[in-house]
Amino acid sequence: MNQFLGILMTALSVLIAAIVSGLRLKPYMDAGETYTPPTFALYPALIAAAIAIPTVLVLRKVQGKNEIDIGPVTLADRQPFMVLWCVLYVTVAVTFFPYQERPKPVAPQQSPRLEKPDTPRQPVHLSLPLFAQNLPVYAEQQCQSEVVPL
């Protein structure tokens, strides 16, 4: 019965961590973000692992066995790592790394300037705001076509 409670506690902690991650991911998905910052999952996961692993190893050494007894619950094998990591992940993520909205880039108010090239098919330098700066744009050649009567 004690090991069953350990399995139940492990499953519940993993479920809670998944729900919290999903709720934290929702604002990024609603905003149409394709990239989440490291504060979303990486930093909380590393902090939780840095605390959970030594804690479980110390508890195992103090109790003198692989199974850790916490009240009526017995956590065997890797269960103490999972339970403690999930609880710490949820705590660290919610407490120290809340959702941070990215600042919207402000476009400059100037209109693009088109420089006419001296010869056809030479790159035209067009200054654009933000990321697409200095991309070559080729000028259209003006061809005179003759109409040949049939």
N, C-alpha and C. Protein backbone atom coordinates (compact mmCIF):
# COMPACT_ATOMS: atom_id res chain seq x y z
N MET A 1 0.82 -1.20 0.00
CA MET A 1 0.00 0.00 0.00
C MET A 1 0.86 1.26 0.00
N ASN A 2 1.98 1.22 0.72
CA ASN A 2 2.85 2.40 0.78
C ASN A 2 3.46 2.70 -0.57
N GLN A 3 3.85 1.64 -1.31
CA GLN A 3 4.42 1.87 -2.65
C GLN A 3 3.36 2.34 -3.62
N PHE A 4 2.13 1.88 -3.45
CA PHE A 4 1.04 2.36 -4.30
C PHE A 4 0.82 3.85 -4.08
N LEU A 5 0.89 4.29 -2.83
CA LEU A 5 0.77 5.73 -2.55
C LEU A 5 1.93 6.50 -3.18
N GLY A 6 3.11 5.90 -3.21
CA GLY A 6 4.26 6.53 -3.86
C GLY A 6 4.04 6.69 -5.35
N ILE A 7 3.50 5.64 -5.99
CA ILE A 7 3.20 5.72 -7.42
C ILE A 7 2.12 6.78 -7.67
N LEU A 8 1.12 6.81 -6.82
CA LEU A 8 0.05 7.80 -6.96
C LEU A 8 0.60 9.22 -6.78
N MET A 9 1.48 9.39 -5.83
CA MET A 9 2.08 10.72 -5.61
C MET A 9 2.95 11.13 -6.79
N THR A 10 3.67 10.19 -7.37
CA THR A 10 4.49 10.48 -8.55
C THR A 10 3.61 10.90 -9.73
N ALA A 11 2.56 10.13 -9.98
CA ALA A 11 1.66 10.44 -11.10
C ALA A 11 1.00 11.81 -10.90
N LEU A 12 0.59 12.10 -9.69
CA LEU A 12 -0.07 13.38 -9.41
C LEU A 12 0.90 14.55 -9.59
N SER A 13 2.14 14.39 -9.16
CA SER A 13 3.10 15.49 -9.30
C SER A 13 3.46 15.73 -10.76
N VAL A 14 3.57 14.65 -11.55
CA VAL A 14 3.85 14.81 -12.99
C VAL A 14 2.66 15.48 -13.68
N LEU A 15 1.45 15.10 -13.30
CA LEU A 15 0.25 15.71 -13.89
C LEU A 15 0.17 17.20 -13.55
N ILE A 16 0.47 17.56 -12.33
CA ILE A 16 0.43 18.97 -11.93
C ILE A 16 1.49 19.77 -12.69
N ALA A 17 2.69 19.19 -12.83
CA ALA A 17 3.75 19.90 -13.59
C ALA A 17 3.34 20.09 -15.04
N ALA A 18 2.69 19.10 -15.64
CA ALA A 18 2.25 19.22 -17.03
C ALA A 18 1.16 20.29 -17.17
N ILE A 19 0.23 20.32 -16.24
CA ILE A 19 -0.85 21.32 -16.29
C ILE A 19 -0.28 22.73 -16.14
N VAL A 20 0.65 22.90 -15.20
CA VAL A 20 1.26 24.22 -15.00
C VAL A 20 2.04 24.65 -16.24
N SER A 21 2.77 23.71 -16.86
CA SER A 21 3.50 24.05 -18.08
C SER A 21 2.55 24.46 -19.20
N GLY A 22 1.45 23.74 -19.33
CA GLY A 22 0.46 24.09 -20.35
C GLY A 22 -0.17 25.45 -20.12
N LEU A 23 -0.48 25.76 -18.88
CA LEU A 23 -1.06 27.06 -18.57
C LEU A 23 -0.06 28.18 -18.78
N ARG A 24 1.22 27.90 -18.51
CA ARG A 24 2.24 28.92 -18.75
C ARG A 24 2.52 29.10 -20.24
N LEU A 25 2.31 28.05 -21.04
CA LEU A 25 2.56 28.12 -22.48
C LEU A 25 1.44 28.82 -23.23
N LYS A 26 0.23 28.82 -22.69
CA LYS A 26 -0.93 29.37 -23.37
C LYS A 26 -0.76 30.83 -23.82
N PRO A 27 -0.24 31.75 -22.99
CA PRO A 27 -0.08 33.13 -23.47
C PRO A 27 0.87 33.24 -24.67
N TYR A 28 1.90 32.39 -24.70
CA TYR A 28 2.82 32.43 -25.85
C TYR A 28 2.11 31.94 -27.11
N MET A 29 1.29 30.91 -26.98
CA MET A 29 0.56 30.40 -28.14
C MET A 29 -0.48 31.41 -28.61
N ASP A 30 -1.16 32.06 -27.66
CA ASP A 30 -2.16 33.06 -28.03
C ASP A 30 -1.53 34.26 -28.73
N ALA A 31 -0.30 34.59 -28.34
CA ALA A 31 0.40 35.72 -28.95
C ALA A 31 1.02 35.34 -30.29
N GLY A 32 0.97 34.08 -30.67
CA GLY A 32 1.53 33.65 -31.94
C GLY A 32 3.04 33.53 -31.91
N GLU A 33 3.61 33.35 -30.76
CA GLU A 33 5.06 33.24 -30.64
C GLU A 33 5.52 31.89 -31.18
N THR A 34 6.64 31.90 -31.88
CA THR A 34 7.22 30.64 -32.35
C THR A 34 8.40 30.25 -31.48
N TYR A 35 8.80 31.13 -30.60
CA TYR A 35 9.96 30.89 -29.73
C TYR A 35 9.58 31.30 -28.32
N THR A 36 9.88 30.42 -27.37
CA THR A 36 9.67 30.78 -25.97
C THR A 36 11.03 31.06 -25.34
N PRO A 37 11.11 32.05 -24.50
CA PRO A 37 12.41 32.38 -23.89
C PRO A 37 12.84 31.28 -22.92
N PRO A 38 14.12 31.23 -22.57
CA PRO A 38 14.61 30.21 -21.64
C PRO A 38 13.96 30.29 -20.27
N THR A 39 13.39 31.44 -19.92
CA THR A 39 12.73 31.55 -18.63
C THR A 39 11.45 30.75 -18.57
N PHE A 40 10.95 30.30 -19.74
CA PHE A 40 9.71 29.53 -19.75
C PHE A 40 9.90 28.16 -19.11
N ALA A 41 10.85 27.38 -19.56
CA ALA A 41 11.01 26.03 -19.03
C ALA A 41 12.44 25.67 -18.67
N LEU A 42 13.40 26.16 -19.41
CA LEU A 42 14.78 25.73 -19.21
C LEU A 42 15.33 26.13 -17.84
N TYR A 43 15.23 27.40 -17.50
CA TYR A 43 15.77 27.85 -16.23
C TYR A 43 15.07 27.20 -15.03
N PRO A 44 13.72 27.17 -15.00
CA PRO A 44 13.08 26.48 -13.87
C PRO A 44 13.44 24.99 -13.79
N ALA A 45 13.58 24.34 -14.93
CA ALA A 45 13.92 22.91 -14.92
C ALA A 45 15.32 22.68 -14.38
N LEU A 46 16.26 23.51 -14.80
CA LEU A 46 17.63 23.36 -14.31
C LEU A 46 17.74 23.68 -12.82
N ILE A 47 17.04 24.69 -12.37
CA ILE A 47 17.07 25.03 -10.94
C ILE A 47 16.44 23.91 -10.12
N ALA A 48 15.32 23.37 -10.59
CA ALA A 48 14.67 22.27 -9.87
C ALA A 48 15.56 21.03 -9.82
N ALA A 49 16.25 20.73 -10.92
CA ALA A 49 17.15 19.57 -10.94
C ALA A 49 18.34 19.80 -10.01
N ALA A 50 18.86 21.02 -9.99
CA ALA A 50 20.01 21.32 -9.13
C ALA A 50 19.66 21.21 -7.65
N ILE A 51 18.41 21.37 -7.30
CA ILE A 51 18.00 21.23 -5.90
C ILE A 51 17.54 19.80 -5.62
N ALA A 52 16.80 19.19 -6.53
CA ALA A 52 16.19 17.87 -6.28
C ALA A 52 17.23 16.76 -6.20
N ILE A 53 18.18 16.73 -7.10
CA ILE A 53 19.13 15.61 -7.14
C ILE A 53 19.95 15.53 -5.85
N PRO A 54 20.60 16.61 -5.41
CA PRO A 54 21.36 16.48 -4.15
C PRO A 54 20.47 16.18 -2.95
N THR A 55 19.27 16.74 -2.93
CA THR A 55 18.36 16.50 -1.80
C THR A 55 17.99 15.03 -1.69
N VAL A 56 17.65 14.41 -2.81
CA VAL A 56 17.28 13.00 -2.79
C VAL A 56 18.49 12.13 -2.42
N LEU A 57 19.66 12.48 -2.93
CA LEU A 57 20.86 11.71 -2.58
C LEU A 57 21.16 11.82 -1.10
N VAL A 58 20.99 13.00 -0.51
CA VAL A 58 21.21 13.16 0.93
C VAL A 58 20.16 12.38 1.72
N LEU A 59 18.90 12.43 1.30
CA LEU A 59 17.85 11.66 1.99
C LEU A 59 18.13 10.16 1.95
N ARG A 60 18.61 9.68 0.80
CA ARG A 60 18.94 8.25 0.69
C ARG A 60 20.09 7.89 1.62
N LYS A 61 21.06 8.77 1.72
CA LYS A 61 22.21 8.49 2.59
C LYS A 61 21.79 8.53 4.06
N VAL A 62 20.94 9.49 4.43
CA VAL A 62 20.49 9.61 5.82
C VAL A 62 19.65 8.40 6.22
N GLN A 63 18.73 7.97 5.34
CA GLN A 63 17.86 6.84 5.66
C GLN A 63 18.58 5.50 5.47
N GLY A 64 19.67 5.48 4.74
CA GLY A 64 20.46 4.27 4.59
C GLY A 64 19.87 3.24 3.64
N LYS A 65 18.96 3.62 2.75
CA LYS A 65 18.38 2.69 1.78
C LYS A 65 17.93 3.44 0.54
N ASN A 66 17.66 2.67 -0.51
CA ASN A 66 17.24 3.29 -1.78
C ASN A 66 15.83 3.83 -1.72
N GLU A 67 14.97 3.19 -0.99
CA GLU A 67 13.59 3.66 -0.88
C GLU A 67 13.51 4.76 0.16
N ILE A 68 12.82 5.81 -0.16
CA ILE A 68 12.67 6.94 0.76
C ILE A 68 11.27 6.90 1.35
N ASP A 69 11.20 6.93 2.66
CA ASP A 69 9.91 6.92 3.35
C ASP A 69 9.60 8.33 3.82
N ILE A 70 8.45 8.83 3.36
CA ILE A 70 7.96 10.14 3.80
C ILE A 70 6.58 9.88 4.38
N GLY A 71 6.52 9.77 5.67
CA GLY A 71 5.26 9.44 6.34
C GLY A 71 4.79 8.05 5.88
N PRO A 72 3.54 7.94 5.44
CA PRO A 72 3.04 6.63 5.00
C PRO A 72 3.42 6.29 3.55
N VAL A 73 4.13 7.18 2.88
CA VAL A 73 4.45 7.01 1.45
C VAL A 73 5.87 6.48 1.32
N THR A 74 6.04 5.46 0.47
CA THR A 74 7.36 4.92 0.16
C THR A 74 7.65 5.20 -1.31
N LEU A 75 8.73 5.93 -1.55
CA LEU A 75 9.14 6.26 -2.92
C LEU A 75 10.34 5.39 -3.27
N ALA A 76 10.20 4.57 -4.32
CA ALA A 76 11.25 3.64 -4.70
C ALA A 76 11.89 4.06 -6.02
N ASP A 77 13.08 3.56 -6.27
CA ASP A 77 13.84 3.80 -7.51
C ASP A 77 13.98 5.28 -7.81
N ARG A 78 13.38 5.70 -8.94
CA ARG A 78 13.53 7.09 -9.40
C ARG A 78 12.37 7.99 -8.97
N GLN A 79 11.41 7.43 -8.28
CA GLN A 79 10.23 8.20 -7.89
C GLN A 79 10.56 9.43 -7.05
N PRO A 80 11.49 9.35 -6.08
CA PRO A 80 11.76 10.57 -5.31
C PRO A 80 12.31 11.70 -6.16
N PHE A 81 13.13 11.37 -7.16
CA PHE A 81 13.65 12.40 -8.05
C PHE A 81 12.51 13.06 -8.82
N MET A 82 11.59 12.24 -9.34
CA MET A 82 10.48 12.78 -10.14
C MET A 82 9.55 13.64 -9.30
N VAL A 83 9.19 13.13 -8.11
CA VAL A 83 8.25 13.87 -7.27
C VAL A 83 8.86 15.21 -6.85
N LEU A 84 10.06 15.16 -6.33
CA LEU A 84 10.68 16.39 -5.85
C LEU A 84 10.98 17.35 -6.99
N TRP A 85 11.40 16.81 -8.15
CA TRP A 85 11.68 17.69 -9.29
C TRP A 85 10.41 18.37 -9.75
N CYS A 86 9.31 17.63 -9.88
CA CYS A 86 8.05 18.23 -10.35
C CYS A 86 7.56 19.31 -9.38
N VAL A 87 7.62 19.01 -8.09
CA VAL A 87 7.16 20.00 -7.11
C VAL A 87 8.04 21.25 -7.16
N LEU A 88 9.35 21.06 -7.25
CA LEU A 88 10.24 22.21 -7.33
C LEU A 88 10.07 22.97 -8.64
N TYR A 89 9.87 22.25 -9.74
CA TYR A 89 9.67 22.92 -11.04
C TYR A 89 8.45 23.84 -10.98
N VAL A 90 7.35 23.31 -10.47
CA VAL A 90 6.12 24.12 -10.39
C VAL A 90 6.35 25.33 -9.49
N THR A 91 6.99 25.12 -8.36
CA THR A 91 7.22 26.21 -7.41
C THR A 91 8.13 27.29 -8.01
N VAL A 92 9.24 26.88 -8.60
CA VAL A 92 10.20 27.84 -9.16
C VAL A 92 9.60 28.56 -10.37
N ALA A 93 8.94 27.80 -11.25
CA ALA A 93 8.40 28.40 -12.48
C ALA A 93 7.33 29.44 -12.17
N VAL A 94 6.43 29.12 -11.27
CA VAL A 94 5.34 30.04 -10.97
C VAL A 94 5.82 31.22 -10.13
N THR A 95 6.73 30.97 -9.21
CA THR A 95 7.17 32.02 -8.30
C THR A 95 8.15 33.01 -8.94
N PHE A 96 9.18 32.48 -9.61
CA PHE A 96 10.27 33.34 -10.05
C PHE A 96 10.25 33.68 -11.55
N PHE A 97 9.53 32.95 -12.37
CA PHE A 97 9.54 33.18 -13.81
C PHE A 97 8.13 33.33 -14.36
N PRO A 98 7.43 34.42 -14.05
CA PRO A 98 6.09 34.60 -14.62
C PRO A 98 6.17 34.95 -16.10
N TYR A 99 5.02 34.95 -16.74
CA TYR A 99 4.96 35.29 -18.17
C TYR A 99 5.40 36.73 -18.37
N GLN A 100 6.29 36.93 -19.34
CA GLN A 100 6.75 38.27 -19.68
C GLN A 100 6.45 38.52 -21.14
N GLU A 101 5.60 39.49 -21.39
CA GLU A 101 5.23 39.81 -22.77
C GLU A 101 6.41 40.50 -23.45
N ARG A 102 6.69 40.08 -24.67
CA ARG A 102 7.77 40.69 -25.43
C ARG A 102 7.37 42.09 -25.88
N PRO A 103 8.30 43.03 -25.84
CA PRO A 103 7.95 44.37 -26.34
C PRO A 103 7.77 44.33 -27.85
N LYS A 104 6.78 45.03 -28.32
CA LYS A 104 6.50 45.08 -29.75
C LYS A 104 7.51 46.00 -30.43
N PRO A 105 8.08 45.57 -31.56
CA PRO A 105 9.02 46.45 -32.26
C PRO A 105 8.28 47.64 -32.87
N VAL A 106 8.88 48.78 -32.75
CA VAL A 106 8.28 50.01 -33.27
C VAL A 106 8.92 50.30 -34.62
N ALA A 107 8.09 50.40 -35.64
CA ALA A 107 8.58 50.68 -36.99
C ALA A 107 8.84 52.18 -37.13
N PRO A 108 9.93 52.54 -37.78
CA PRO A 108 10.18 53.97 -38.00
C PRO A 108 9.14 54.56 -38.95
N GLN A 109 8.92 55.84 -38.82
CA GLN A 109 7.90 56.52 -39.60
C GLN A 109 8.37 56.98 -40.97
N GLN A 110 9.63 56.76 -41.32
CA GLN A 110 10.12 57.23 -42.60
C GLN A 110 9.75 56.23 -43.70
N SER A 111 9.53 56.74 -44.89
CA SER A 111 9.19 55.88 -46.01
C SER A 111 10.48 55.41 -46.69
N PRO A 112 10.45 54.26 -47.33
CA PRO A 112 11.66 53.76 -47.99
C PRO A 112 12.09 54.67 -49.13
N ARG A 113 13.40 54.80 -49.28
CA ARG A 113 13.95 55.62 -50.36
C ARG A 113 14.47 54.68 -51.43
N LEU A 114 14.13 54.95 -52.66
CA LEU A 114 14.57 54.12 -53.77
C LEU A 114 15.64 54.88 -54.54
N GLU A 115 16.79 54.25 -54.67
CA GLU A 115 17.88 54.87 -55.43
C GLU A 115 17.89 54.26 -56.82
N LYS A 116 17.84 55.11 -57.82
CA LYS A 116 17.84 54.64 -59.20
C LYS A 116 19.27 54.28 -59.63
N PRO A 117 19.45 53.11 -60.21
CA PRO A 117 20.79 52.74 -60.67
C PRO A 117 21.11 53.44 -62.00
N ASP A 118 22.39 53.54 -62.28
CA ASP A 118 22.81 54.17 -63.53
C ASP A 118 22.57 53.23 -64.71
N THR A 119 22.81 51.96 -64.52
CA THR A 119 22.63 50.99 -65.60
C THR A 119 21.57 49.98 -65.20
N PRO A 120 20.87 49.41 -66.19
CA PRO A 120 19.84 48.42 -65.85
C PRO A 120 20.45 47.16 -65.25
N ARG A 121 19.65 46.42 -64.48
CA ARG A 121 20.00 45.16 -63.84
C ARG A 121 21.10 45.28 -62.80
N GLN A 122 21.25 46.46 -62.26
CA GLN A 122 22.16 46.66 -61.15
C GLN A 122 21.33 46.69 -59.87
N PRO A 123 21.89 46.22 -58.77
CA PRO A 123 21.10 46.22 -57.53
C PRO A 123 20.70 47.62 -57.11
N VAL A 124 19.50 47.75 -56.64
CA VAL A 124 19.00 48.99 -56.10
C VAL A 124 19.01 48.84 -54.59
N HIS A 125 19.55 49.79 -53.88
CA HIS A 125 19.60 49.72 -52.43
C HIS A 125 18.39 50.44 -51.87
N LEU A 126 17.60 49.70 -51.15
CA LEU A 126 16.36 50.19 -50.59
C LEU A 126 16.47 50.05 -49.08
N SER A 127 16.38 51.14 -48.36
CA SER A 127 16.48 51.05 -46.90
C SER A 127 15.10 50.71 -46.34
N LEU A 128 15.02 49.58 -45.66
CA LEU A 128 13.78 49.11 -45.07
C LEU A 128 13.93 49.06 -43.56
N PRO A 129 12.85 49.23 -42.84
CA PRO A 129 12.94 49.14 -41.39
C PRO A 129 13.14 47.69 -40.95
N LEU A 130 13.71 47.52 -39.79
CA LEU A 130 13.90 46.23 -39.12
C LEU A 130 14.86 45.30 -39.84
N PHE A 131 14.40 44.07 -40.11
CA PHE A 131 15.30 43.00 -40.49
C PHE A 131 15.69 42.96 -41.96
N ALA A 132 14.89 43.52 -42.83
CA ALA A 132 15.14 43.39 -44.26
C ALA A 132 15.96 44.55 -44.80
N GLN A 133 16.96 44.97 -44.09
CA GLN A 133 17.75 46.10 -44.55
C GLN A 133 18.78 45.66 -45.57
N ASN A 134 19.02 46.54 -46.52
CA ASN A 134 20.06 46.39 -47.53
C ASN A 134 19.94 45.12 -48.37
N LEU A 135 18.74 44.72 -48.68
CA LEU A 135 18.55 43.61 -49.59
C LEU A 135 18.54 44.16 -51.01
N PRO A 136 19.26 43.52 -51.94
CA PRO A 136 19.27 44.07 -53.30
C PRO A 136 17.92 43.87 -53.98
N VAL A 137 17.47 44.92 -54.65
CA VAL A 137 16.24 44.89 -55.43
C VAL A 137 16.65 45.28 -56.84
N TYR A 138 16.29 44.47 -57.80
CA TYR A 138 16.71 44.73 -59.17
C TYR A 138 15.68 45.58 -59.87
N ALA A 139 16.17 46.59 -60.57
CA ALA A 139 15.29 47.50 -61.30
C ALA A 139 14.77 46.80 -62.55
N GLU A 140 13.58 47.16 -62.92
CA GLU A 140 13.01 46.57 -64.13
C GLU A 140 13.61 47.24 -65.36
N GLN A 141 13.93 46.42 -66.35
CA GLN A 141 14.44 46.99 -67.60
C GLN A 141 13.26 47.46 -68.43
N GLN A 142 13.48 48.59 -69.04
CA GLN A 142 12.44 49.07 -69.92
C GLN A 142 12.82 48.70 -71.35
N CYS A 143 12.07 47.79 -71.89
CA CYS A 143 12.35 47.30 -73.24
C CYS A 143 11.37 47.94 -74.21
N GLN A 144 11.90 48.28 -75.35
CA GLN A 144 11.01 48.78 -76.39
C GLN A 144 10.74 47.61 -77.33
N SER A 145 9.52 47.28 -77.44
CA SER A 145 9.19 46.15 -78.32
C SER A 145 8.56 46.70 -79.60
N GLU A 146 8.90 46.05 -80.65
CA GLU A 146 8.34 46.44 -81.94
C GLU A 146 7.20 45.49 -82.27
N VAL A 147 6.20 46.04 -82.86
CA VAL A 147 5.08 45.23 -83.32
C VAL A 147 5.32 44.90 -84.77
N VAL A 148 5.42 43.64 -85.04
CA VAL A 148 5.68 43.21 -86.41
C VAL A 148 4.35 42.83 -87.04
N PRO A 149 4.00 43.49 -88.14
CA PRO A 149 2.73 43.14 -88.80
C PRO A 149 2.85 41.79 -89.50
N LEU A 150 1.81 41.05 -89.50
CA LEU A 150 1.78 39.75 -90.17
C LEU A 150 1.32 39.84 -91.57
